[in-house]
Amino acid sequence: MKLGRVSGTVVSTVCSPAYEERKLLVCDLLDGTGGETGDYLIAIDTVGAGAGEDVLILDEGNSARQVLGWPEAPVRAVIVGIVDEIAVRAG
């Protein structure tokens, strides 16, 4: 699992049937304190996330395909949750 912040959407006129009727979101990856790492992922939205929201990303191909219920789908990452708060315990 990874933390990310939705920064945009991906629009494709030609795509795999696995992506039809689904949003593809660009997510900037976050570290454990909520700071951006400089990396990003493109993930399928399964929870209705929107721009600026912090999200929980499942970044394991087989598990992501199981979430979608499509074992052969060309999928690596899916958004599985919207994060309400990131709390870090001090030292």
PDB file of N, CA and C in Angstrom:
ATOM      1  N   MET A   1       0.841  -1.180   0.000  1.00  0.00           N
ATOM      2  CA  MET A   1       0.000   0.000   0.000  1.00  0.00           C
ATOM      3  C   MET A   1       0.883   1.238   0.000  1.00  0.00           C
ATOM      4  N   LYS A   2       0.383   2.262  -0.675  1.00  0.00           N
ATOM      5  CA  LYS A   2       1.091   3.534  -0.744  1.00  0.00           C
ATOM      6  C   LYS A   2       0.108   4.663  -0.475  1.00  0.00           C
ATOM      7  N   LEU A   3       0.657   5.776  -0.003  1.00  0.00           N
ATOM      8  CA  LEU A   3      -0.133   6.990   0.163  1.00  0.00           C
ATOM      9  C   LEU A   3       0.095   7.886  -1.035  1.00  0.00           C
ATOM     10  N   GLY A   4      -0.965   8.537  -1.505  1.00  0.00           N
ATOM     11  CA  GLY A   4      -0.829   9.452  -2.626  1.00  0.00           C
ATOM     12  C   GLY A   4      -1.806  10.609  -2.514  1.00  0.00           C
ATOM     13  N   ARG A   5      -1.564  11.624  -3.331  1.00  0.00           N
ATOM     14  CA  ARG A   5      -2.482  12.764  -3.406  1.00  0.00           C
ATOM     15  C   ARG A   5      -2.874  12.924  -4.872  1.00  0.00           C
ATOM     16  N   VAL A   6      -4.166  12.931  -5.135  1.00  0.00           N
ATOM     17  CA  VAL A   6      -4.663  13.028  -6.509  1.00  0.00           C
ATOM     18  C   VAL A   6      -4.307  14.402  -7.062  1.00  0.00           C
ATOM     19  N   SER A   7      -3.595  14.390  -8.200  1.00  0.00           N
ATOM     20  CA  SER A   7      -3.181  15.655  -8.805  1.00  0.00           C
ATOM     21  C   SER A   7      -3.769  15.872 -10.192  1.00  0.00           C
ATOM     22  N   GLY A   8      -4.417  14.865 -10.748  1.00  0.00           N
ATOM     23  CA  GLY A   8      -4.997  15.040 -12.075  1.00  0.00           C
ATOM     24  C   GLY A   8      -5.650  13.780 -12.590  1.00  0.00           C
ATOM     25  N   THR A   9      -6.155  13.869 -13.807  1.00  0.00           N
ATOM     26  CA  THR A   9      -6.797  12.724 -14.446  1.00  0.00           C
ATOM     27  C   THR A   9      -6.093  12.405 -15.756  1.00  0.00           C
ATOM     28  N   VAL A  10      -6.285  11.191 -16.216  1.00  0.00           N
ATOM     29  CA  VAL A  10      -5.755  10.756 -17.504  1.00  0.00           C
ATOM     30  C   VAL A  10      -6.945  10.458 -18.400  1.00  0.00           C
ATOM     31  N   VAL A  11      -6.930  11.011 -19.604  1.00  0.00           N
ATOM     32  CA  VAL A  11      -8.010  10.778 -20.564  1.00  0.00           C
ATOM     33  C   VAL A  11      -7.430  10.041 -21.761  1.00  0.00           C
ATOM     34  N   SER A  12      -8.086   8.954 -22.146  1.00  0.00           N
ATOM     35  CA  SER A  12      -7.631   8.156 -23.274  1.00  0.00           C
ATOM     36  C   SER A  12      -8.832   7.786 -24.132  1.00  0.00           C
ATOM     37  N   THR A  13      -8.719   8.041 -25.424  1.00  0.00           N
ATOM     38  CA  THR A  13      -9.831   7.699 -26.317  1.00  0.00           C
ATOM     39  C   THR A  13      -9.774   6.241 -26.750  1.00  0.00           C
ATOM     40  N   VAL A  14      -8.590   5.653 -26.720  1.00  0.00           N
ATOM     41  CA  VAL A  14      -8.423   4.244 -27.045  1.00  0.00           C
ATOM     42  C   VAL A  14      -7.799   3.576 -25.824  1.00  0.00           C
ATOM     43  N   CYS A  15      -8.469   2.556 -25.276  1.00  0.00           N
ATOM     44  CA  CYS A  15      -7.949   1.916 -24.064  1.00  0.00           C
ATOM     45  C   CYS A  15      -8.453   0.487 -23.965  1.00  0.00           C
ATOM     46  N   SER A  16      -7.860  -0.231 -23.036  1.00  0.00           N
ATOM     47  CA  SER A  16      -8.303  -1.590 -22.738  1.00  0.00           C
ATOM     48  C   SER A  16      -9.725  -1.548 -22.192  1.00  0.00           C
ATOM     49  N   PRO A  17     -10.527  -2.559 -22.463  1.00  0.00           N
ATOM     50  CA  PRO A  17     -11.877  -2.611 -21.887  1.00  0.00           C
ATOM     51  C   PRO A  17     -11.883  -2.542 -20.357  1.00  0.00           C
ATOM     52  N   ALA A  18     -10.774  -2.910 -19.716  1.00  0.00           N
ATOM     53  CA  ALA A  18     -10.694  -2.847 -18.248  1.00  0.00           C
ATOM     54  C   ALA A  18     -10.791  -1.407 -17.741  1.00  0.00           C
ATOM     55  N   TYR A  19     -10.471  -0.429 -18.595  1.00  0.00           N
ATOM     56  CA  TYR A  19     -10.483   0.978 -18.184  1.00  0.00           C
ATOM     57  C   TYR A  19     -11.785   1.692 -18.542  1.00  0.00           C
ATOM     58  N   GLU A  20     -12.628   1.071 -19.316  1.00  0.00           N
ATOM     59  CA  GLU A  20     -13.883   1.710 -19.715  1.00  0.00           C
ATOM     60  C   GLU A  20     -14.767   1.931 -18.488  1.00  0.00           C
ATOM     61  N   GLU A  21     -15.416   3.079 -18.442  1.00  0.00           N
ATOM     62  CA  GLU A  21     -16.313   3.443 -17.331  1.00  0.00           C
ATOM     63  C   GLU A  21     -15.566   3.620 -16.004  1.00  0.00           C
ATOM     64  N   ARG A  22     -14.243   3.798 -16.053  1.00  0.00           N
ATOM     65  CA  ARG A  22     -13.454   3.994 -14.837  1.00  0.00           C
ATOM     66  C   ARG A  22     -12.572   5.228 -15.006  1.00  0.00           C
ATOM     67  N   LYS A  23     -12.322   5.925 -13.886  1.00  0.00           N
ATOM     68  CA  LYS A  23     -11.428   7.086 -13.913  1.00  0.00           C
ATOM     69  C   LYS A  23     -10.002   6.631 -13.666  1.00  0.00           C
ATOM     70  N   LEU A  24      -9.087   7.172 -14.459  1.00  0.00           N
ATOM     71  CA  LEU A  24      -7.659   6.989 -14.220  1.00  0.00           C
ATOM     72  C   LEU A  24      -7.143   8.279 -13.597  1.00  0.00           C
ATOM     73  N   LEU A  25      -6.530   8.188 -12.421  1.00  0.00           N
ATOM     74  CA  LEU A  25      -6.078   9.376 -11.704  1.00  0.00           C
ATOM     75  C   LEU A  25      -4.565   9.367 -11.545  1.00  0.00           C
ATOM     76  N   VAL A  26      -3.964  10.541 -11.730  1.00  0.00           N
ATOM     77  CA  VAL A  26      -2.541  10.732 -11.462  1.00  0.00           C
ATOM     78  C   VAL A  26      -2.420  11.027  -9.971  1.00  0.00           C
ATOM     79  N   CYS A  27      -1.581  10.261  -9.278  1.00  0.00           N
ATOM     80  CA  CYS A  27      -1.406  10.428  -7.831  1.00  0.00           C
ATOM     81  C   CYS A  27       0.062  10.677  -7.525  1.00  0.00           C
ATOM     82  N   ASP A  28       0.344  11.830  -6.901  1.00  0.00           N
ATOM     83  CA  ASP A  28       1.689  12.106  -6.409  1.00  0.00           C
ATOM     84  C   ASP A  28       1.870  11.298  -5.130  1.00  0.00           C
ATOM     85  N   LEU A  29       2.966  10.534  -5.052  1.00  0.00           N
ATOM     86  CA  LEU A  29       3.191   9.687  -3.881  1.00  0.00           C
ATOM     87  C   LEU A  29       3.640  10.523  -2.688  1.00  0.00           C
ATOM     88  N   LEU A  30       3.210  10.089  -1.494  1.00  0.00           N
ATOM     89  CA  LEU A  30       3.516  10.795  -0.255  1.00  0.00           C
ATOM     90  C   LEU A  30       4.367   9.921   0.654  1.00  0.00           C
ATOM     91  N   ASP A  31       5.175  10.574   1.499  1.00  0.00           N
ATOM     92  CA  ASP A  31       5.905   9.822   2.515  1.00  0.00           C
ATOM     93  C   ASP A  31       5.015   9.654   3.748  1.00  0.00           C
ATOM     94  N   GLY A  32       5.543   9.079   4.811  1.00  0.00           N
ATOM     95  CA  GLY A  32       4.751   8.794   5.998  1.00  0.00           C
ATOM     96  C   GLY A  32       4.227  10.003   6.739  1.00  0.00           C
ATOM     97  N   THR A  33       4.761  11.199   6.421  1.00  0.00           N
ATOM     98  CA  THR A  33       4.294  12.413   7.092  1.00  0.00           C
ATOM     99  C   THR A  33       3.357  13.232   6.211  1.00  0.00           C
ATOM    100  N   GLY A  34       3.097  12.759   5.004  1.00  0.00           N
ATOM    101  CA  GLY A  34       2.220  13.482   4.084  1.00  0.00           C
ATOM    102  C   GLY A  34       2.953  14.379   3.110  1.00  0.00           C
ATOM    103  N   GLY A  35       4.282  14.373   3.137  1.00  0.00           N
ATOM    104  CA  GLY A  35       5.073  15.159   2.187  1.00  0.00           C
ATOM    105  C   GLY A  35       5.248  14.421   0.872  1.00  0.00           C
ATOM    106  N   GLU A  36       5.316  15.160  -0.222  1.00  0.00           N
ATOM    107  CA  GLU A  36       5.471  14.536  -1.540  1.00  0.00           C
ATOM    108  C   GLU A  36       6.877  13.984  -1.727  1.00  0.00           C
ATOM    109  N   THR A  37       6.965  12.820  -2.365  1.00  0.00           N
ATOM    110  CA  THR A  37       8.254  12.158  -2.595  1.00  0.00           C
ATOM    111  C   THR A  37       8.873  12.534  -3.931  1.00  0.00           C
ATOM    112  N   GLY A  38       8.086  13.093  -4.838  1.00  0.00           N
ATOM    113  CA  GLY A  38       8.576  13.395  -6.179  1.00  0.00           C
ATOM    114  C   GLY A  38       8.222  12.316  -7.193  1.00  0.00           C
ATOM    115  N   ASP A  39       7.672  11.208  -6.737  1.00  0.00           N
ATOM    116  CA  ASP A  39       7.247  10.122  -7.623  1.00  0.00           C
ATOM    117  C   ASP A  39       5.730  10.178  -7.786  1.00  0.00           C
ATOM    118  N   TYR A  40       5.224   9.458  -8.775  1.00  0.00           N
ATOM    119  CA  TYR A  40       3.785   9.420  -9.005  1.00  0.00           C
ATOM    120  C   TYR A  40       3.376   8.058  -9.545  1.00  0.00           C
ATOM    121  N   LEU A  41       2.076   7.791  -9.496  1.00  0.00           N
ATOM    122  CA  LEU A  41       1.467   6.595 -10.083  1.00  0.00           C
ATOM    123  C   LEU A  41       0.200   7.011 -10.811  1.00  0.00           C
ATOM    124  N   ILE A  42      -0.172   6.237 -11.794  1.00  0.00           N
ATOM    125  CA  ILE A  42      -1.495   6.365 -12.403  1.00  0.00           C
ATOM    126  C   ILE A  42      -2.297   5.169 -11.900  1.00  0.00           C
ATOM    127  N   ALA A  43      -3.430   5.456 -11.259  1.00  0.00           N
ATOM    128  CA  ALA A  43      -4.212   4.390 -10.630  1.00  0.00           C
ATOM    129  C   ALA A  43      -5.677   4.485 -11.036  1.00  0.00           C
ATOM    130  N   ILE A  44      -6.343   3.346 -11.067  1.00  0.00           N
ATOM    131  CA  ILE A  44      -7.778   3.300 -11.322  1.00  0.00           C
ATOM    132  C   ILE A  44      -8.511   3.653 -10.038  1.00  0.00           C
ATOM    133  N   ASP A  45      -9.459   4.573 -10.136  1.00  0.00           N
ATOM    134  CA  ASP A  45     -10.235   5.004  -8.978  1.00  0.00           C
ATOM    135  C   ASP A  45     -11.391   4.035  -8.744  1.00  0.00           C
ATOM    136  N   THR A  46     -11.484   3.498  -7.522  1.00  0.00           N
ATOM    137  CA  THR A  46     -12.606   2.615  -7.171  1.00  0.00           C
ATOM    138  C   THR A  46     -13.456   3.199  -6.050  1.00  0.00           C
ATOM    139  N   VAL A  47     -13.103   4.418  -5.587  1.00  0.00           N
ATOM    140  CA  VAL A  47     -13.790   4.983  -4.426  1.00  0.00           C
ATOM    141  C   VAL A  47     -14.363   6.376  -4.650  1.00  0.00           C
ATOM    142  N   GLY A  48     -14.208   6.947  -5.836  1.00  0.00           N
ATOM    143  CA  GLY A  48     -14.749   8.278  -6.098  1.00  0.00           C
ATOM    144  C   GLY A  48     -13.861   9.404  -5.602  1.00  0.00           C
ATOM    145  N   ALA A  49     -12.551   9.217  -5.646  1.00  0.00           N
ATOM    146  CA  ALA A  49     -11.614  10.241  -5.189  1.00  0.00           C
ATOM    147  C   ALA A  49     -11.591  11.418  -6.162  1.00  0.00           C
ATOM    148  N   GLY A  50     -11.187  12.572  -5.636  1.00  0.00           N
ATOM    149  CA  GLY A  50     -11.125  13.769  -6.457  1.00  0.00           C
ATOM    150  C   GLY A  50      -9.805  14.496  -6.275  1.00  0.00           C
ATOM    151  N   ALA A  51      -9.587  15.518  -7.081  1.00  0.00           N
ATOM    152  CA  ALA A  51      -8.346  16.285  -7.065  1.00  0.00           C
ATOM    153  C   ALA A  51      -8.061  16.836  -5.675  1.00  0.00           C
ATOM    154  N   GLY A  52      -6.807  16.699  -5.244  1.00  0.00           N
ATOM    155  CA  GLY A  52      -6.373  17.217  -3.959  1.00  0.00           C
ATOM    156  C   GLY A  52      -6.586  16.284  -2.791  1.00  0.00           C
ATOM    157  N   GLU A  53      -7.305  15.193  -2.981  1.00  0.00           N
ATOM    158  CA  GLU A  53      -7.562  14.269  -1.867  1.00  0.00           C
ATOM    159  C   GLU A  53      -6.388  13.308  -1.680  1.00  0.00           C
ATOM    160  N   ASP A  54      -6.108  12.998  -0.409  1.00  0.00           N
ATOM    161  CA  ASP A  54      -5.111  11.985  -0.091  1.00  0.00           C
ATOM    162  C   ASP A  54      -5.791  10.620  -0.181  1.00  0.00           C
ATOM    163  N   VAL A  55      -5.096   9.674  -0.801  1.00  0.00           N
ATOM    164  CA  VAL A  55      -5.695   8.366  -1.065  1.00  0.00           C
ATOM    165  C   VAL A  55      -4.746   7.240  -0.693  1.00  0.00           C
ATOM    166  N   LEU A  56      -5.325   6.068  -0.483  1.00  0.00           N
ATOM    167  CA  LEU A  56      -4.591   4.841  -0.236  1.00  0.00           C
ATOM    168  C   LEU A  56      -4.576   4.056  -1.544  1.00  0.00           C
ATOM    169  N   ILE A  57      -3.382   3.698  -1.998  1.00  0.00           N
ATOM    170  CA  ILE A  57      -3.220   3.044  -3.297  1.00  0.00           C
ATOM    171  C   ILE A  57      -2.685   1.637  -3.100  1.00  0.00           C
ATOM    172  N   LEU A  58      -3.358   0.688  -3.702  1.00  0.00           N
ATOM    173  CA  LEU A  58      -2.886  -0.693  -3.734  1.00  0.00           C
ATOM    174  C   LEU A  58      -2.068  -0.827  -5.015  1.00  0.00           C
ATOM    175  N   ASP A  59      -0.748  -0.996  -4.866  1.00  0.00           N
ATOM    176  CA  ASP A  59       0.164  -1.007  -6.010  1.00  0.00           C
ATOM    177  C   ASP A  59       0.778  -2.387  -6.193  1.00  0.00           C
ATOM    178  N   GLU A  60      -0.077  -3.378  -6.346  1.00  0.00           N
ATOM    179  CA  GLU A  60       0.350  -4.751  -6.594  1.00  0.00           C
ATOM    180  C   GLU A  60      -0.579  -5.309  -7.662  1.00  0.00           C
ATOM    181  N   GLY A  61      -0.042  -5.595  -8.822  1.00  0.00           N
ATOM    182  CA  GLY A  61      -0.862  -5.993  -9.961  1.00  0.00           C
ATOM    183  C   GLY A  61      -1.913  -7.042  -9.686  1.00  0.00           C
ATOM    184  N   ASN A  62      -1.532  -8.175  -9.102  1.00  0.00           N
ATOM    185  CA  ASN A  62      -2.497  -9.251  -8.895  1.00  0.00           C
ATOM    186  C   ASN A  62      -3.594  -8.831  -7.923  1.00  0.00           C
ATOM    187  N   SER A  63      -3.216  -8.192  -6.830  1.00  0.00           N
ATOM    188  CA  SER A  63      -4.214  -7.733  -5.865  1.00  0.00           C
ATOM    189  C   SER A  63      -5.120  -6.675  -6.479  1.00  0.00           C
ATOM    190  N   ALA A  64      -4.550  -5.794  -7.292  1.00  0.00           N
ATOM    191  CA  ALA A  64      -5.349  -4.756  -7.957  1.00  0.00           C
ATOM    192  C   ALA A  64      -6.379  -5.395  -8.886  1.00  0.00           C
ATOM    193  N   ARG A  65      -5.971  -6.410  -9.613  1.00  0.00           N
ATOM    194  CA  ARG A  65      -6.906  -7.107 -10.510  1.00  0.00           C
ATOM    195  C   ARG A  65      -8.013  -7.801  -9.716  1.00  0.00           C
ATOM    196  N   GLN A  66      -7.692  -8.320  -8.534  1.00  0.00           N
ATOM    197  CA  GLN A  66      -8.707  -8.953  -7.690  1.00  0.00           C
ATOM    198  C   GLN A  66      -9.732  -7.929  -7.206  1.00  0.00           C
ATOM    199  N   VAL A  67      -9.281  -6.719  -6.874  1.00  0.00           N
ATOM    200  CA  VAL A  67     -10.209  -5.668  -6.453  1.00  0.00           C
ATOM    201  C   VAL A  67     -11.203  -5.375  -7.567  1.00  0.00           C
ATOM    202  N   LEU A  68     -10.716  -5.368  -8.805  1.00  0.00           N
ATOM    203  CA  LEU A  68     -11.583  -5.092  -9.955  1.00  0.00           C
ATOM    204  C   LEU A  68     -12.403  -6.305 -10.363  1.00  0.00           C
ATOM    205  N   GLY A  69     -12.021  -7.493  -9.887  1.00  0.00           N
ATOM    206  CA  GLY A  69     -12.737  -8.703 -10.271  1.00  0.00           C
ATOM    207  C   GLY A  69     -12.469  -9.128 -11.695  1.00  0.00           C
ATOM    208  N   TRP A  70     -11.279  -8.788 -12.208  1.00  0.00           N
ATOM    209  CA  TRP A  70     -10.930  -9.096 -13.586  1.00  0.00           C
ATOM    210  C   TRP A  70      -9.493  -9.636 -13.611  1.00  0.00           C
ATOM    211  N   PRO A  71      -9.303 -10.960 -13.519  1.00  0.00           N
ATOM    212  CA  PRO A  71      -7.972 -11.549 -13.373  1.00  0.00           C
ATOM    213  C   PRO A  71      -6.992 -11.269 -14.512  1.00  0.00           C
ATOM    214  N   GLU A  72      -7.498 -10.969 -15.707  1.00  0.00           N
ATOM    215  CA  GLU A  72      -6.613 -10.750 -16.849  1.00  0.00           C
ATOM    216  C   GLU A  72      -6.407  -9.271 -17.171  1.00  0.00           C
ATOM    217  N   ALA A  73      -6.956  -8.374 -16.381  1.00  0.00           N
ATOM    218  CA  ALA A  73      -6.903  -6.940 -16.685  1.00  0.00           C
ATOM    219  C   ALA A  73      -5.461  -6.417 -16.643  1.00  0.00           C
ATOM    220  N   PRO A  74      -5.102  -5.537 -17.579  1.00  0.00           N
ATOM    221  CA  PRO A  74      -3.761  -4.939 -17.567  1.00  0.00           C
ATOM    222  C   PRO A  74      -3.707  -3.794 -16.554  1.00  0.00           C
ATOM    223  N   VAL A  75      -3.714  -4.140 -15.282  1.00  0.00           N
ATOM    224  CA  VAL A  75      -3.825  -3.158 -14.197  1.00  0.00           C
ATOM    225  C   VAL A  75      -2.715  -3.400 -13.200  1.00  0.00           C
ATOM    226  N   ARG A  76      -2.136  -2.314 -12.711  1.00  0.00           N
ATOM    227  CA  ARG A  76      -1.118  -2.415 -11.671  1.00  0.00           C
ATOM    228  C   ARG A  76      -1.570  -1.779 -10.363  1.00  0.00           C
ATOM    229  N   ALA A  77      -2.240  -0.618 -10.425  1.00  0.00           N
ATOM    230  CA  ALA A  77      -2.551   0.126  -9.200  1.00  0.00           C
ATOM    231  C   ALA A  77      -4.009   0.570  -9.183  1.00  0.00           C
ATOM    232  N   VAL A  78      -4.635   0.464  -8.002  1.00  0.00           N
ATOM    233  CA  VAL A  78      -6.006   0.951  -7.818  1.00  0.00           C
ATOM    234  C   VAL A  78      -6.069   1.765  -6.529  1.00  0.00           C
ATOM    235  N   ILE A  79      -6.933   2.764  -6.537  1.00  0.00           N
ATOM    236  CA  ILE A  79      -7.187   3.546  -5.336  1.00  0.00           C
ATOM    237  C   ILE A  79      -8.274   2.821  -4.557  1.00  0.00           C
ATOM    238  N   VAL A  80      -7.960   2.480  -3.307  1.00  0.00           N
ATOM    239  CA  VAL A  80      -8.889   1.691  -2.505  1.00  0.00           C
ATOM    240  C   VAL A  80      -9.431   2.446  -1.290  1.00  0.00           C
ATOM    241  N   GLY A  81      -8.978   3.669  -1.069  1.00  0.00           N
ATOM    242  CA  GLY A  81      -9.485   4.414   0.074  1.00  0.00           C
ATOM    243  C   GLY A  81      -9.133   5.888   0.006  1.00  0.00           C
ATOM    244  N   ILE A  82      -9.947   6.717   0.645  1.00  0.00           N
ATOM    245  CA  ILE A  82      -9.687   8.146   0.783  1.00  0.00           C
ATOM    246  C   ILE A  82      -9.243   8.364   2.230  1.00  0.00           C
ATOM    247  N   VAL A  83      -8.094   9.004   2.394  1.00  0.00           N
ATOM    248  CA  VAL A  83      -7.497   9.203   3.718  1.00  0.00           C
ATOM    249  C   VAL A  83      -8.063  10.462   4.351  1.00  0.00           C
ATOM    250  N   ASP A  84      -8.606  10.330   5.557  1.00  0.00           N
ATOM    251  CA  ASP A  84      -9.141  11.483   6.283  1.00  0.00           C
ATOM    252  C   ASP A  84      -8.028  12.240   7.006  1.00  0.00           C
ATOM    253  N   GLU A  85      -7.060  11.516   7.558  1.00  0.00           N
ATOM    254  CA  GLU A  85      -6.033  12.158   8.370  1.00  0.00           C
ATOM    255  C   GLU A  85      -4.780  11.280   8.394  1.00  0.00           C
ATOM    256  N   ILE A  86      -3.628  11.930   8.405  1.00  0.00           N
ATOM    257  CA  ILE A  86      -2.352  11.229   8.583  1.00  0.00           C
ATOM    258  C   ILE A  86      -1.789  11.704   9.919  1.00  0.00           C
ATOM    259  N   ALA A  87      -1.683  10.810  10.877  1.00  0.00           N
ATOM    260  CA  ALA A  87      -1.164  11.161  12.197  1.00  0.00           C
ATOM    261  C   ALA A  87       0.144  10.415  12.419  1.00  0.00           C
ATOM    262  N   VAL A  88       1.197  11.149  12.742  1.00  0.00           N
ATOM    263  CA  VAL A  88       2.498  10.555  12.966  1.00  0.00           C
ATOM    264  C   VAL A  88       2.866  10.733  14.438  1.00  0.00           C
ATOM    265  N   ARG A  89       3.199   9.644  15.086  1.00  0.00           N
ATOM    266  CA  ARG A  89       3.591   9.684  16.498  1.00  0.00           C
ATOM    267  C   ARG A  89       5.016  10.212  16.599  1.00  0.00           C
ATOM    268  N   ALA A  90       5.236  11.209  17.431  1.00  0.00           N
ATOM    269  CA  ALA A  90       6.569  11.781  17.632  1.00  0.00           C
ATOM    270  C   ALA A  90       7.431  10.815  18.429  1.00  0.00           C
ATOM    271  N   GLY A  91       8.690  10.699  18.018  1.00  0.00           N
ATOM    272  CA  GLY A  91       9.722   9.962  18.529  1.00  0.00           C
ATOM    273  C   GLY A  91       9.854   9.050  19.550  1.00  0.00           C
TER     274      GLY A  91
END
